[in-house]
């Protein structure tokens, strides 16, 4: 639905990591995308593309 949570399982699969790894990197809501991307060693753009969310401004 609109404004639902991103599909972490699908995002993790796109990134080639486990859903738990992605969940741990994102931390509690609201997720810090910059910190999560840094933890995962990927760009914020790659992370937001996988999650299907707009990049932070």
PDB file of N, CA and C in Angstrom:
ATOM      1  N   UNK A   1       0.821  -1.216   0.000  1.00  0.00           N
ATOM      2  CA  UNK A   1       0.000   0.000   0.000  1.00  0.00           C
ATOM      3  C   UNK A   1       0.846   1.254   0.000  1.00  0.00           C
ATOM      4  N   UNK A   2       0.187   2.367  -0.106  1.00  0.00           N
ATOM      5  CA  UNK A   2       0.888   3.650  -0.097  1.00  0.00           C
ATOM      6  C   UNK A   2       1.474   3.913   1.283  1.00  0.00           C
ATOM      7  N   UNK A   3       2.694   4.413   1.320  1.00  0.00           N
ATOM      8  CA  UNK A   3       3.321   4.745   2.586  1.00  0.00           C
ATOM      9  C   UNK A   3       3.615   3.546   3.456  1.00  0.00           C
ATOM     10  N   UNK A   4       3.562   2.343   2.861  1.00  0.00           N
ATOM     11  CA  UNK A   4       3.886   1.145   3.632  1.00  0.00           C
ATOM     12  C   UNK A   4       5.385   1.048   3.840  1.00  0.00           C
ATOM     13  N   UNK A   5       5.778   0.088   4.654  1.00  0.00           N
ATOM     14  CA  UNK A   5       7.211  -0.105   4.874  1.00  0.00           C
ATOM     15  C   UNK A   5       7.838  -0.715   3.623  1.00  0.00           C
ATOM     16  N   UNK A   6       9.077  -0.333   3.336  1.00  0.00           N
ATOM     17  CA  UNK A   6       9.739  -0.961   2.182  1.00  0.00           C
ATOM     18  C   UNK A   6       9.857  -2.465   2.403  1.00  0.00           C
ATOM     19  N   UNK A   7       9.868  -3.209   1.320  1.00  0.00           N
ATOM     20  CA  UNK A   7      10.000  -4.661   1.401  1.00  0.00           C
ATOM     21  C   UNK A   7      11.473  -4.996   1.628  1.00  0.00           C
ATOM     22  N   UNK A   8      11.832  -5.226   2.885  1.00  0.00           N
ATOM     23  CA  UNK A   8      13.239  -5.453   3.222  1.00  0.00           C
ATOM     24  C   UNK A   8      13.779  -6.744   2.631  1.00  0.00           C
ATOM     25  N   UNK A   9      12.934  -7.770   2.540  1.00  0.00           N
ATOM     26  CA  UNK A   9      13.400  -9.041   1.974  1.00  0.00           C
ATOM     27  C   UNK A   9      13.799  -8.846   0.510  1.00  0.00           C
ATOM     28  N   UNK A  10      12.958  -8.144  -0.240  1.00  0.00           N
ATOM     29  CA  UNK A  10      13.253  -7.896  -1.653  1.00  0.00           C
ATOM     30  C   UNK A  10      14.475  -6.996  -1.798  1.00  0.00           C
ATOM     31  N   UNK A  11      14.554  -5.980  -0.951  1.00  0.00           N
ATOM     32  CA  UNK A  11      15.691  -5.056  -1.009  1.00  0.00           C
ATOM     33  C   UNK A  11      16.991  -5.791  -0.692  1.00  0.00           C
ATOM     34  N   UNK A  12      16.961  -6.630   0.338  1.00  0.00           N
ATOM     35  CA  UNK A  12      18.152  -7.387   0.720  1.00  0.00           C
ATOM     36  C   UNK A  12      18.585  -8.313  -0.411  1.00  0.00           C
ATOM     37  N   UNK A  13      17.609  -8.953  -1.063  1.00  0.00           N
ATOM     38  CA  UNK A  13      17.921  -9.848  -2.182  1.00  0.00           C
ATOM     39  C   UNK A  13      18.589  -9.065  -3.310  1.00  0.00           C
ATOM     40  N   UNK A  14      18.068  -7.863  -3.603  1.00  0.00           N
ATOM     41  CA  UNK A  14      18.662  -7.028  -4.655  1.00  0.00           C
ATOM     42  C   UNK A  14      20.097  -6.668  -4.323  1.00  0.00           C
ATOM     43  N   UNK A  15      20.362  -6.447  -3.037  1.00  0.00           N
ATOM     44  CA  UNK A  15      21.699  -6.038  -2.604  1.00  0.00           C
ATOM     45  C   UNK A  15      22.626  -7.231  -2.370  1.00  0.00           C
ATOM     46  N   UNK A  16      22.061  -8.438  -2.387  1.00  0.00           N
ATOM     47  CA  UNK A  16      22.874  -9.630  -2.175  1.00  0.00           C
ATOM     48  C   UNK A  16      23.297  -9.813  -0.726  1.00  0.00           C
ATOM     49  N   UNK A  17      22.447  -9.350   0.201  1.00  0.00           N
ATOM     50  CA  UNK A  17      22.726  -9.507   1.631  1.00  0.00           C
ATOM     51  C   UNK A  17      21.505 -10.132   2.293  1.00  0.00           C
ATOM     52  N   UNK A  18      21.646 -10.532   3.555  1.00  0.00           N
ATOM     53  CA  UNK A  18      20.492 -11.107   4.250  1.00  0.00           C
ATOM     54  C   UNK A  18      19.578  -9.995   4.735  1.00  0.00           C
ATOM     55  N   UNK A  19      18.314 -10.336   4.900  1.00  0.00           N
ATOM     56  CA  UNK A  19      17.348  -9.362   5.407  1.00  0.00           C
ATOM     57  C   UNK A  19      17.766  -8.886   6.797  1.00  0.00           C
ATOM     58  N   UNK A  20      18.314  -9.810   7.605  1.00  0.00           N
ATOM     59  CA  UNK A  20      18.749  -9.437   8.962  1.00  0.00           C
ATOM     60  C   UNK A  20      19.888  -8.421   8.912  1.00  0.00           C
ATOM     61  N   UNK A  21      20.828  -8.611   7.983  1.00  0.00           N
ATOM     62  CA  UNK A  21      21.937  -7.667   7.831  1.00  0.00           C
ATOM     63  C   UNK A  21      21.403  -6.283   7.479  1.00  0.00           C
ATOM     64  N   UNK A  22      20.441  -6.251   6.569  1.00  0.00           N
ATOM     65  CA  UNK A  22      19.840  -4.986   6.156  1.00  0.00           C
ATOM     66  C   UNK A  22      19.102  -4.338   7.321  1.00  0.00           C
ATOM     67  N   UNK A  23      18.330  -5.141   8.037  1.00  0.00           N
ATOM     68  CA  UNK A  23      17.570  -4.645   9.193  1.00  0.00           C
ATOM     69  C   UNK A  23      18.514  -4.059  10.253  1.00  0.00           C
ATOM     70  N   UNK A  24      19.608  -4.783  10.529  1.00  0.00           N
ATOM     71  CA  UNK A  24      20.581  -4.307  11.521  1.00  0.00           C
ATOM     72  C   UNK A  24      21.216  -2.993  11.084  1.00  0.00           C
ATOM     73  N   UNK A  25      21.524  -2.878   9.790  1.00  0.00           N
ATOM     74  CA  UNK A  25      22.156  -1.660   9.284  1.00  0.00           C
ATOM     75  C   UNK A  25      21.207  -0.467   9.375  1.00  0.00           C
ATOM     76  N   UNK A  26      19.932  -0.707   9.078  1.00  0.00           N
ATOM     77  CA  UNK A  26      18.955   0.383   9.093  1.00  0.00           C
ATOM     78  C   UNK A  26      18.641   0.847  10.510  1.00  0.00           C
ATOM     79  N   UNK A  27      18.680  -0.074  11.460  1.00  0.00           N
ATOM     80  CA  UNK A  27      18.398   0.296  12.843  1.00  0.00           C
ATOM     81  C   UNK A  27      16.930   0.628  13.049  1.00  0.00           C
ATOM     82  N   UNK A  28      16.608   1.217  14.210  1.00  0.00           N
ATOM     83  CA  UNK A  28      15.203   1.523  14.508  1.00  0.00           C
ATOM     84  C   UNK A  28      14.696   2.658  13.633  1.00  0.00           C
ATOM     85  N   UNK A  29      13.384   2.704  13.391  1.00  0.00           N
ATOM     86  CA  UNK A  29      12.840   3.797  12.589  1.00  0.00           C
ATOM     87  C   UNK A  29      12.981   5.126  13.315  1.00  0.00           C
ATOM     88  N   UNK A  30      13.126   6.241  12.627  1.00  0.00           N
ATOM     89  CA  UNK A  30      13.289   6.286  11.164  1.00  0.00           C
ATOM     90  C   UNK A  30      14.711   5.875  10.798  1.00  0.00           C
ATOM     91  N   UNK A  31      14.877   5.113   9.712  1.00  0.00           N
ATOM     92  CA  UNK A  31      16.216   4.631   9.365  1.00  0.00           C
ATOM     93  C   UNK A  31      17.134   5.770   8.943  1.00  0.00           C
ATOM     94  N   UNK A  32      18.398   5.668   9.323  1.00  0.00           N
ATOM     95  CA  UNK A  32      19.417   6.620   8.874  1.00  0.00           C
ATOM     96  C   UNK A  32      20.047   6.001   7.631  1.00  0.00           C
ATOM     97  N   UNK A  33      19.562   6.421   6.461  1.00  0.00           N
ATOM     98  CA  UNK A  33      20.004   5.798   5.210  1.00  0.00           C
ATOM     99  C   UNK A  33      21.493   5.990   4.961  1.00  0.00           C
ATOM    100  N   UNK A  34      22.007   7.174   5.313  1.00  0.00           N
ATOM    101  CA  UNK A  34      23.436   7.420   5.095  1.00  0.00           C
ATOM    102  C   UNK A  34      24.288   6.471   5.935  1.00  0.00           C
ATOM    103  N   UNK A  35      23.918   6.334   7.211  1.00  0.00           N
ATOM    104  CA  UNK A  35      24.669   5.449   8.109  1.00  0.00           C
ATOM    105  C   UNK A  35      24.528   3.992   7.668  1.00  0.00           C
ATOM    106  N   UNK A  36      23.323   3.615   7.259  1.00  0.00           N
ATOM    107  CA  UNK A  36      23.087   2.238   6.827  1.00  0.00           C
ATOM    108  C   UNK A  36      23.920   1.914   5.590  1.00  0.00           C
ATOM    109  N   UNK A  37      23.931   2.823   4.627  1.00  0.00           N
ATOM    110  CA  UNK A  37      24.716   2.610   3.409  1.00  0.00           C
ATOM    111  C   UNK A  37      26.196   2.475   3.744  1.00  0.00           C
ATOM    112  N   UNK A  38      26.674   3.322   4.651  1.00  0.00           N
ATOM    113  CA  UNK A  38      28.080   3.265   5.056  1.00  0.00           C
ATOM    114  C   UNK A  38      28.394   1.919   5.711  1.00  0.00           C
ATOM    115  N   UNK A  39      27.507   1.448   6.590  1.00  0.00           N
ATOM    116  CA  UNK A  39      27.700   0.157   7.261  1.00  0.00           C
ATOM    117  C   UNK A  39      27.755  -0.979   6.256  1.00  0.00           C
ATOM    118  N   UNK A  40      26.932  -0.872   5.211  1.00  0.00           N
ATOM    119  CA  UNK A  40      26.849  -1.941   4.214  1.00  0.00           C
ATOM    120  C   UNK A  40      27.914  -1.807   3.133  1.00  0.00           C
ATOM    121  N   UNK A  41      28.611  -0.669   3.119  1.00  0.00           N
ATOM    122  CA  UNK A  41      29.644  -0.451   2.113  1.00  0.00           C
ATOM    123  C   UNK A  41      29.076  -0.208   0.730  1.00  0.00           C
ATOM    124  N   UNK A  42      27.880   0.409   0.678  1.00  0.00           N
ATOM    125  CA  UNK A  42      27.251   0.733  -0.604  1.00  0.00           C
ATOM    126  C   UNK A  42      26.882   2.212  -0.611  1.00  0.00           C
ATOM    127  N   UNK A  43      26.484   2.711  -1.765  1.00  0.00           N
ATOM    128  CA  UNK A  43      26.068   4.108  -1.848  1.00  0.00           C
ATOM    129  C   UNK A  43      24.638   4.248  -1.345  1.00  0.00           C
ATOM    130  N   UNK A  44      24.303   5.456  -0.910  1.00  0.00           N
ATOM    131  CA  UNK A  44      22.930   5.739  -0.490  1.00  0.00           C
ATOM    132  C   UNK A  44      21.993   5.490  -1.673  1.00  0.00           C
ATOM    133  N   UNK A  45      22.440   5.855  -2.876  1.00  0.00           N
ATOM    134  CA  UNK A  45      21.635   5.654  -4.085  1.00  0.00           C
ATOM    135  C   UNK A  45      21.308   4.175  -4.285  1.00  0.00           C
ATOM    136  N   UNK A  46      22.308   3.307  -4.108  1.00  0.00           N
ATOM    137  CA  UNK A  46      22.082   1.863  -4.265  1.00  0.00           C
ATOM    138  C   UNK A  46      21.083   1.362  -3.226  1.00  0.00           C
ATOM    139  N   UNK A  47      21.203   1.893  -2.011  1.00  0.00           N
ATOM    140  CA  UNK A  47      20.305   1.485  -0.932  1.00  0.00           C
ATOM    141  C   UNK A  47      18.877   1.938  -1.208  1.00  0.00           C
ATOM    142  N   UNK A  48      18.701   3.200  -1.579  1.00  0.00           N
ATOM    143  CA  UNK A  48      17.347   3.706  -1.826  1.00  0.00           C
ATOM    144  C   UNK A  48      16.731   3.048  -3.059  1.00  0.00           C
ATOM    145  N   UNK A  49      17.546   2.748  -4.072  1.00  0.00           N
ATOM    146  CA  UNK A  49      17.040   2.033  -5.252  1.00  0.00           C
ATOM    147  C   UNK A  49      16.507   0.660  -4.843  1.00  0.00           C
ATOM    148  N   UNK A  50      17.273  -0.045  -4.023  1.00  0.00           N
ATOM    149  CA  UNK A  50      16.867  -1.387  -3.594  1.00  0.00           C
ATOM    150  C   UNK A  50      15.602  -1.333  -2.747  1.00  0.00           C
ATOM    151  N   UNK A  51      15.518  -0.324  -1.881  1.00  0.00           N
ATOM    152  CA  UNK A  51      14.356  -0.186  -1.001  1.00  0.00           C
ATOM    153  C   UNK A  51      13.145   0.372  -1.737  1.00  0.00           C
ATOM    154  N   UNK A  52      13.388   1.007  -2.892  1.00  0.00           N
ATOM    155  CA  UNK A  52      12.286   1.627  -3.619  1.00  0.00           C
ATOM    156  C   UNK A  52      11.778   2.880  -2.930  1.00  0.00           C
ATOM    157  N   UNK A  53      12.697   3.597  -2.278  1.00  0.00           N
ATOM    158  CA  UNK A  53      12.336   4.859  -1.628  1.00  0.00           C
ATOM    159  C   UNK A  53      13.141   5.984  -2.259  1.00  0.00           C
ATOM    160  N   UNK A  54      12.617   7.219  -2.179  1.00  0.00           N
ATOM    161  CA  UNK A  54      13.397   8.334  -2.735  1.00  0.00           C
ATOM    162  C   UNK A  54      14.635   8.592  -1.886  1.00  0.00           C
ATOM    163  N   UNK A  55      15.734   8.997  -2.508  1.00  0.00           N
ATOM    164  CA  UNK A  55      16.937   9.295  -1.725  1.00  0.00           C
ATOM    165  C   UNK A  55      16.697  10.481  -0.802  1.00  0.00           C
ATOM    166  N   UNK A  56      17.409  10.537   0.329  1.00  0.00           N
ATOM    167  CA  UNK A  56      17.244  11.682   1.232  1.00  0.00           C
ATOM    168  C   UNK A  56      17.703  12.964   0.550  1.00  0.00           C
ATOM    169  N   UNK A  57      17.069  14.058   0.881  1.00  0.00           N
ATOM    170  CA  UNK A  57      17.444  15.349   0.274  1.00  0.00           C
ATOM    171  C   UNK A  57      18.690  15.915   0.914  1.00  0.00           C
TER     172      UNK A  57
END
